[in-house]
Amino acid sequence: SKTLPVRLLDEAGNEVTGIQLDNRNINVSIPIS
């Protein structure tokens, strides 16, 4: 369970800047079984 930053990437995998996000961080939960 982690809170991680959102990444915006173009087709080449480069970071895209200059965009406003309503949520900069996402809560991630990964069950292990």
All heavy atoms as atom14 arrays in JSON, in Angstrom:
{
  "sequence": "SKTLPVRLLDEAGNEVTGIQLDNRNINVSIPIS",
  "atom14_mask": [
    [1, 1, 1, 1, 1, 1, 0, 0, 0, 0, 0, 0, 0, 0],
    [1, 1, 1, 1, 1, 1, 1, 1, 1, 0, 0, 0, 0, 0],
    [1, 1, 1, 1, 1, 1, 1, 0, 0, 0, 0, 0, 0, 0],
    [1, 1, 1, 1, 1, 1, 1, 1, 0, 0, 0, 0, 0, 0],
    [1, 1, 1, 1, 1, 1, 1, 0, 0, 0, 0, 0, 0, 0],
    [1, 1, 1, 1, 1, 1, 1, 0, 0, 0, 0, 0, 0, 0],
    [1, 1, 1, 1, 1, 1, 1, 1, 1, 1, 1, 0, 0, 0],
    [1, 1, 1, 1, 1, 1, 1, 1, 0, 0, 0, 0, 0, 0],
    [1, 1, 1, 1, 1, 1, 1, 1, 0, 0, 0, 0, 0, 0],
    [1, 1, 1, 1, 1, 1, 1, 1, 0, 0, 0, 0, 0, 0],
    [1, 1, 1, 1, 1, 1, 1, 1, 1, 0, 0, 0, 0, 0],
    [1, 1, 1, 1, 1, 0, 0, 0, 0, 0, 0, 0, 0, 0],
    [1, 1, 1, 1, 0, 0, 0, 0, 0, 0, 0, 0, 0, 0],
    [1, 1, 1, 1, 1, 1, 1, 1, 0, 0, 0, 0, 0, 0],
    [1, 1, 1, 1, 1, 1, 1, 1, 1, 0, 0, 0, 0, 0],
    [1, 1, 1, 1, 1, 1, 1, 0, 0, 0, 0, 0, 0, 0],
    [1, 1, 1, 1, 1, 1, 1, 0, 0, 0, 0, 0, 0, 0],
    [1, 1, 1, 1, 0, 0, 0, 0, 0, 0, 0, 0, 0, 0],
    [1, 1, 1, 1, 1, 1, 1, 1, 0, 0, 0, 0, 0, 0],
    [1, 1, 1, 1, 1, 1, 1, 1, 1, 0, 0, 0, 0, 0],
    [1, 1, 1, 1, 1, 1, 1, 1, 0, 0, 0, 0, 0, 0],
    [1, 1, 1, 1, 1, 1, 1, 1, 0, 0, 0, 0, 0, 0],
    [1, 1, 1, 1, 1, 1, 1, 1, 0, 0, 0, 0, 0, 0],
    [1, 1, 1, 1, 1, 1, 1, 1, 1, 1, 1, 0, 0, 0],
    [1, 1, 1, 1, 1, 1, 1, 1, 0, 0, 0, 0, 0, 0],
    [1, 1, 1, 1, 1, 1, 1, 1, 0, 0, 0, 0, 0, 0],
    [1, 1, 1, 1, 1, 1, 1, 1, 0, 0, 0, 0, 0, 0],
    [1, 1, 1, 1, 1, 1, 1, 0, 0, 0, 0, 0, 0, 0],
    [1, 1, 1, 1, 1, 1, 0, 0, 0, 0, 0, 0, 0, 0],
    [1, 1, 1, 1, 1, 1, 1, 1, 0, 0, 0, 0, 0, 0],
    [1, 1, 1, 1, 1, 1, 1, 0, 0, 0, 0, 0, 0, 0],
    [1, 1, 1, 1, 1, 1, 1, 1, 0, 0, 0, 0, 0, 0],
    [1, 1, 1, 1, 1, 1, 0, 0, 0, 0, 0, 0, 0, 0]
  ],
  "atom14_positions": [
    [[0.86, -1.18, 0.0], [0.0, 0.0, 0.0], [0.9, 1.23, 0.0], [1.66, 1.45, 0.93], [-0.93, 0.01, 1.22], [-1.78, 1.13, 1.18], [0.0, 0.0, 0.0], [0.0, 0.0, 0.0], [0.0, 0.0, 0.0], [0.0, 0.0, 0.0], [0.0, 0.0, 0.0], [0.0, 0.0, 0.0], [0.0, 0.0, 0.0], [0.0, 0.0, 0.0]],
    [[0.8, 2.04, -1.08], [1.67, 3.21, -1.22], [0.91, 4.37, -1.85], [-0.08, 4.16, -2.55], [2.89, 2.88, -2.09], [3.86, 1.89, -1.49], [5.07, 1.72, -2.4], [6.1, 0.79, -1.77], [7.3, 0.65, -2.64], [0.0, 0.0, 0.0], [0.0, 0.0, 0.0], [0.0, 0.0, 0.0], [0.0, 0.0, 0.0], [0.0, 0.0, 0.0]],
    [[1.4, 5.58, -1.61], [0.93, 6.78, -2.31], [2.04, 7.2, -3.25], [3.15, 7.49, -2.81], [0.59, 7.9, -1.32], [-0.45, 7.46, -0.44], [0.11, 9.14, -2.07], [0.0, 0.0, 0.0], [0.0, 0.0, 0.0], [0.0, 0.0, 0.0], [0.0, 0.0, 0.0], [0.0, 0.0, 0.0], [0.0, 0.0, 0.0], [0.0, 0.0, 0.0]],
    [[1.71, 7.23, -4.56], [2.74, 7.44, -5.57], [2.38, 8.6, -6.5], [1.2, 8.84, -6.77], [2.91, 6.16, -6.4], [3.33, 4.92, -5.6], [3.23, 3.68, -6.45], [4.76, 5.08, -5.09], [0.0, 0.0, 0.0], [0.0, 0.0, 0.0], [0.0, 0.0, 0.0], [0.0, 0.0, 0.0], [0.0, 0.0, 0.0], [0.0, 0.0, 0.0]],
    [[3.4, 9.3, -7.01], [3.14, 10.43, -7.91], [2.72, 9.95, -9.3], [3.18, 8.92, -9.79], [4.49, 11.16, -7.97], [5.49, 10.08, -7.68], [4.83, 9.13, -6.72], [0.0, 0.0, 0.0], [0.0, 0.0, 0.0], [0.0, 0.0, 0.0], [0.0, 0.0, 0.0], [0.0, 0.0, 0.0], [0.0, 0.0, 0.0], [0.0, 0.0, 0.0]],
    [[1.84, 10.73, -9.93], [1.41, 10.44, -11.3], [2.48, 10.93, -12.26], [3.03, 12.02, -12.1], [0.07, 11.12, -11.61], [-0.32, 10.9, -13.06], [-1.01, 10.61, -10.69], [0.0, 0.0, 0.0], [0.0, 0.0, 0.0], [0.0, 0.0, 0.0], [0.0, 0.0, 0.0], [0.0, 0.0, 0.0], [0.0, 0.0, 0.0], [0.0, 0.0, 0.0]],
    [[2.76, 10.12, -13.28], [3.71, 10.5, -14.32], [2.98, 10.63, -15.65], [2.2, 9.74, -16.02], [4.85, 9.49, -14.43], [5.66, 9.33, -13.16], [6.76, 8.3, -13.38], [7.72, 8.77, -14.36], [8.48, 7.95, -15.09], [8.36, 6.64, -14.97], [9.34, 8.44, -15.96], [0.0, 0.0, 0.0], [0.0, 0.0, 0.0], [0.0, 0.0, 0.0]],
    [[3.24, 11.73, -16.35], [2.68, 11.95, -17.69], [3.8, 11.75, -18.7], [4.81, 12.45, -18.65], [2.1, 13.36, -17.81], [1.08, 13.77, -16.75], [0.61, 15.2, -17.01], [-0.11, 12.82, -16.73], [0.0, 0.0, 0.0], [0.0, 0.0, 0.0], [0.0, 0.0, 0.0], [0.0, 0.0, 0.0], [0.0, 0.0, 0.0], [0.0, 0.0, 0.0]],
    [[3.62, 10.78, -19.62], [4.68, 10.44, -20.55], [4.2, 10.57, -21.99], [3.05, 10.26, -22.3], [5.17, 9.0, -20.31], [5.64, 8.66, -18.89], [6.04, 7.2, -18.82], [6.8, 9.55, -18.47], [0.0, 0.0, 0.0], [0.0, 0.0, 0.0], [0.0, 0.0, 0.0], [0.0, 0.0, 0.0], [0.0, 0.0, 0.0], [0.0, 0.0, 0.0]],
    [[5.11, 11.0, -22.87], [4.78, 11.05, -24.29], [5.1, 9.7, -24.92], [5.46, 8.73, -24.23], [5.51, 12.19, -24.99], [7.03, 12.04, -24.95], [7.53, 10.94, -24.66], [7.73, 13.04, -25.22], [0.0, 0.0, 0.0], [0.0, 0.0, 0.0], [0.0, 0.0, 0.0], [0.0, 0.0, 0.0], [0.0, 0.0, 0.0], [0.0, 0.0, 0.0]],
    [[4.97, 9.63, -26.24], [5.15, 8.35, -26.94], [6.55, 7.79, -26.77], [6.75, 6.58, -26.76], [4.83, 8.55, -28.43], [4.64, 7.25, -29.19], [4.04, 7.47, -30.56], [3.94, 8.64, -30.99], [3.63, 6.49, -31.2], [0.0, 0.0, 0.0], [0.0, 0.0, 0.0], [0.0, 0.0, 0.0], [0.0, 0.0, 0.0], [0.0, 0.0, 0.0]],
    [[7.53, 8.66, -26.61], [8.92, 8.23, -26.44], [9.27, 7.93, -24.98], [10.4, 7.55, -24.68], [9.87, 9.28, -27.0], [0.0, 0.0, 0.0], [0.0, 0.0, 0.0], [0.0, 0.0, 0.0], [0.0, 0.0, 0.0], [0.0, 0.0, 0.0], [0.0, 0.0, 0.0], [0.0, 0.0, 0.0], [0.0, 0.0, 0.0], [0.0, 0.0, 0.0]],
    [[8.31, 8.11, -24.08], [8.56, 7.85, -22.67], [9.14, 9.02, -21.91], [9.6, 8.87, -20.77], [0.0, 0.0, 0.0], [0.0, 0.0, 0.0], [0.0, 0.0, 0.0], [0.0, 0.0, 0.0], [0.0, 0.0, 0.0], [0.0, 0.0, 0.0], [0.0, 0.0, 0.0], [0.0, 0.0, 0.0], [0.0, 0.0, 0.0], [0.0, 0.0, 0.0]],
    [[9.12, 10.2, -22.52], [9.63, 11.4, -21.85], [8.53, 12.06, -21.02], [7.35, 12.0, -21.38], [10.16, 12.39, -22.89], [11.27, 11.81, -23.72], [12.19, 11.2, -23.2], [11.21, 11.99, -25.03], [0.0, 0.0, 0.0], [0.0, 0.0, 0.0], [0.0, 0.0, 0.0], [0.0, 0.0, 0.0], [0.0, 0.0, 0.0], [0.0, 0.0, 0.0]],
    [[8.95, 12.71, -19.93], [7.99, 13.4, -19.07], [7.38, 14.59, -19.8], [8.08, 15.34, -20.49], [8.69, 13.88, -17.8], [9.25, 12.77, -16.91], [8.21, 12.21, -15.96], [7.09, 12.76, -15.93], [8.53, 11.23, -15.26], [0.0, 0.0, 0.0], [0.0, 0.0, 0.0], [0.0, 0.0, 0.0], [0.0, 0.0, 0.0], [0.0, 0.0, 0.0]],
    [[6.07, 14.76, -19.63], [5.36, 15.92, -20.19], [5.02, 16.86, -19.04], [4.42, 16.45, -18.05], [4.09, 15.49, -20.93], [3.36, 16.71, -21.48], [4.41, 14.51, -22.05], [0.0, 0.0, 0.0], [0.0, 0.0, 0.0], [0.0, 0.0, 0.0], [0.0, 0.0, 0.0], [0.0, 0.0, 0.0], [0.0, 0.0, 0.0], [0.0, 0.0, 0.0]],
    [[5.42, 18.12, -19.17], [5.18, 19.11, -18.12], [4.21, 20.18, -18.62], [3.81, 20.18, -19.77], [6.5, 19.76, -17.68], [7.11, 20.39, -18.82], [7.47, 18.72, -17.12], [0.0, 0.0, 0.0], [0.0, 0.0, 0.0], [0.0, 0.0, 0.0], [0.0, 0.0, 0.0], [0.0, 0.0, 0.0], [0.0, 0.0, 0.0], [0.0, 0.0, 0.0]],
    [[3.87, 21.1, -17.72], [3.0, 22.2, -18.09], [1.53, 21.85, -18.1], [0.73, 22.54, -18.74], [0.0, 0.0, 0.0], [0.0, 0.0, 0.0], [0.0, 0.0, 0.0], [0.0, 0.0, 0.0], [0.0, 0.0, 0.0], [0.0, 0.0, 0.0], [0.0, 0.0, 0.0], [0.0, 0.0, 0.0], [0.0, 0.0, 0.0], [0.0, 0.0, 0.0]],
    [[1.15, 20.78, -17.41], [-0.25, 20.35, -17.35], [-0.7, 20.34, -15.89], [0.02, 19.86, -15.0], [-0.43, 18.95, -17.96], [-0.11, 18.99, -19.46], [-1.85, 18.43, -17.75], [-0.18, 17.65, -20.14], [0.0, 0.0, 0.0], [0.0, 0.0, 0.0], [0.0, 0.0, 0.0], [0.0, 0.0, 0.0], [0.0, 0.0, 0.0], [0.0, 0.0, 0.0]],
    [[-1.88, 20.87, -15.66], [-2.45, 20.88, -14.31], [-3.23, 19.59, -14.09], [-4.0, 19.14, -14.94], [-3.38, 22.08, -14.15], [-4.05, 22.16, -12.78], [-5.01, 23.33, -12.69], [-4.96, 24.25, -13.51], [-5.9, 23.3, -11.72], [0.0, 0.0, 0.0], [0.0, 0.0, 0.0], [0.0, 0.0, 0.0], [0.0, 0.0, 0.0], [0.0, 0.0, 0.0]],
    [[-3.03, 18.95, -12.92], [-3.71, 17.71, -12.56], [-4.6, 17.95, -11.34], [-4.21, 18.66, -10.42], [-2.7, 16.61, -12.23], [-1.91, 16.01, -13.39], [-0.82, 15.11, -12.85], [-2.82, 15.24, -14.31], [0.0, 0.0, 0.0], [0.0, 0.0, 0.0], [0.0, 0.0, 0.0], [0.0, 0.0, 0.0], [0.0, 0.0, 0.0], [0.0, 0.0, 0.0]],
    [[-5.78, 17.32, -11.35], [-6.62, 17.45, -10.16], [-6.1, 16.59, -9.02], [-6.37, 16.86, -7.85], [-8.08, 17.08, -10.49], [-8.25, 15.62, -10.86], [-7.28, 15.01, -11.37], [-9.35, 15.07, -10.66], [0.0, 0.0, 0.0], [0.0, 0.0, 0.0], [0.0, 0.0, 0.0], [0.0, 0.0, 0.0], [0.0, 0.0, 0.0], [0.0, 0.0, 0.0]],
    [[-5.32, 15.54, -9.35], [-4.68, 14.7, -8.32], [-3.26, 14.41, -8.76], [-3.05, 13.76, -9.81], [-5.44, 13.39, -8.11], [-6.72, 13.57, -7.33], [-6.7, 13.8, -6.14], [-7.85, 13.5, -8.03], [0.0, 0.0, 0.0], [0.0, 0.0, 0.0], [0.0, 0.0, 0.0], [0.0, 0.0, 0.0], [0.0, 0.0, 0.0], [0.0, 0.0, 0.0]],
    [[-2.3, 14.86, -7.99], [-0.91, 14.61, -8.31], [-0.41, 13.27, -7.77], [0.61, 12.74, -8.22], [-0.03, 15.72, -7.74], [-0.1, 17.02, -8.5], [0.69, 16.95, -9.79], [0.51, 18.13, -10.62], [1.05, 18.26, -11.82], [1.78, 17.28, -12.31], [0.86, 19.36, -12.53], [0.0, 0.0, 0.0], [0.0, 0.0, 0.0], [0.0, 0.0, 0.0]],
    [[-1.13, 12.71, -6.8], [-0.72, 11.46, -6.17], [-1.87, 10.46, -6.18], [-3.04, 10.85, -6.08], [-0.24, 11.69, -4.74], [1.0, 12.56, -4.69], [2.06, 12.17, -5.16], [0.87, 13.75, -4.12], [0.0, 0.0, 0.0], [0.0, 0.0, 0.0], [0.0, 0.0, 0.0], [0.0, 0.0, 0.0], [0.0, 0.0, 0.0], [0.0, 0.0, 0.0]],
    [[-1.52, 9.18, -6.32], [-2.5, 8.1, -6.39], [-2.21, 7.1, -5.27], [-1.05, 6.74, -5.02], [-2.42, 7.37, -7.75], [-2.7, 8.34, -8.9], [-3.38, 6.19, -7.8], [-4.1, 8.88, -8.93], [0.0, 0.0, 0.0], [0.0, 0.0, 0.0], [0.0, 0.0, 0.0], [0.0, 0.0, 0.0], [0.0, 0.0, 0.0], [0.0, 0.0, 0.0]],
    [[-3.26, 6.66, -4.6], [-3.12, 5.6, -3.6], [-3.16, 4.25, -4.31], [-4.11, 3.94, -5.03], [-4.24, 5.68, -2.57], [-4.19, 6.96, -1.76], [-3.11, 7.41, -1.39], [-5.35, 7.55, -1.49], [0.0, 0.0, 0.0], [0.0, 0.0, 0.0], [0.0, 0.0, 0.0], [0.0, 0.0, 0.0], [0.0, 0.0, 0.0], [0.0, 0.0, 0.0]],
    [[-2.11, 3.47, -4.11], [-1.97, 2.17, -4.79], [-2.0, 1.05, -3.76], [-1.25, 1.07, -2.78], [-0.65, 2.11, -5.59], [-0.51, 0.74, -6.27], [-0.6, 3.22, -6.63], [0.0, 0.0, 0.0], [0.0, 0.0, 0.0], [0.0, 0.0, 0.0], [0.0, 0.0, 0.0], [0.0, 0.0, 0.0], [0.0, 0.0, 0.0], [0.0, 0.0, 0.0]],
    [[-2.87, 0.07, -4.01], [-2.95, -1.11, -3.14], [-2.8, -2.36, -4.01], [-3.56, -2.55, -4.96], [-4.29, -1.14, -2.4], [-4.4, -2.31, -1.61], [0.0, 0.0, 0.0], [0.0, 0.0, 0.0], [0.0, 0.0, 0.0], [0.0, 0.0, 0.0], [0.0, 0.0, 0.0], [0.0, 0.0, 0.0], [0.0, 0.0, 0.0], [0.0, 0.0, 0.0]],
    [[-1.8, -3.19, -3.69], [-1.54, -4.42, -4.45], [-1.57, -5.61, -3.5], [-0.66, -5.79, -2.69], [-0.17, -4.37, -5.16], [-0.07, -3.13, -6.05], [0.04, -5.63, -5.99], [1.26, -2.99, -6.74], [0.0, 0.0, 0.0], [0.0, 0.0, 0.0], [0.0, 0.0, 0.0], [0.0, 0.0, 0.0], [0.0, 0.0, 0.0], [0.0, 0.0, 0.0]],
    [[-2.62, -6.44, -3.57], [-2.66, -7.64, -2.72], [-1.6, -8.66, -3.18], [-1.36, -8.82, -4.38], [-4.07, -8.19, -2.95], [-4.85, -7.05, -3.54], [-3.86, -6.25, -4.32], [0.0, 0.0, 0.0], [0.0, 0.0, 0.0], [0.0, 0.0, 0.0], [0.0, 0.0, 0.0], [0.0, 0.0, 0.0], [0.0, 0.0, 0.0], [0.0, 0.0, 0.0]],
    [[-0.97, -9.31, -2.23], [0.01, -10.37, -2.5], [-0.58, -11.69, -2.02], [-1.07, -11.78, -0.89], [1.35, -10.1, -1.8], [1.9, -8.72, -2.21], [2.35, -11.19, -2.12], [2.25, -8.6, -3.66], [0.0, 0.0, 0.0], [0.0, 0.0, 0.0], [0.0, 0.0, 0.0], [0.0, 0.0, 0.0], [0.0, 0.0, 0.0], [0.0, 0.0, 0.0]],
    [[-0.54, -12.73, -2.88], [-1.21, -13.98, -2.55], [-0.36, -15.18, -2.94], [0.61, -15.05, -3.71], [-2.57, -14.03, -3.27], [-3.21, -15.27, -3.04], [0.0, 0.0, 0.0], [0.0, 0.0, 0.0], [0.0, 0.0, 0.0], [0.0, 0.0, 0.0], [0.0, 0.0, 0.0], [0.0, 0.0, 0.0], [0.0, 0.0, 0.0], [0.0, 0.0, 0.0]]
  ]
}
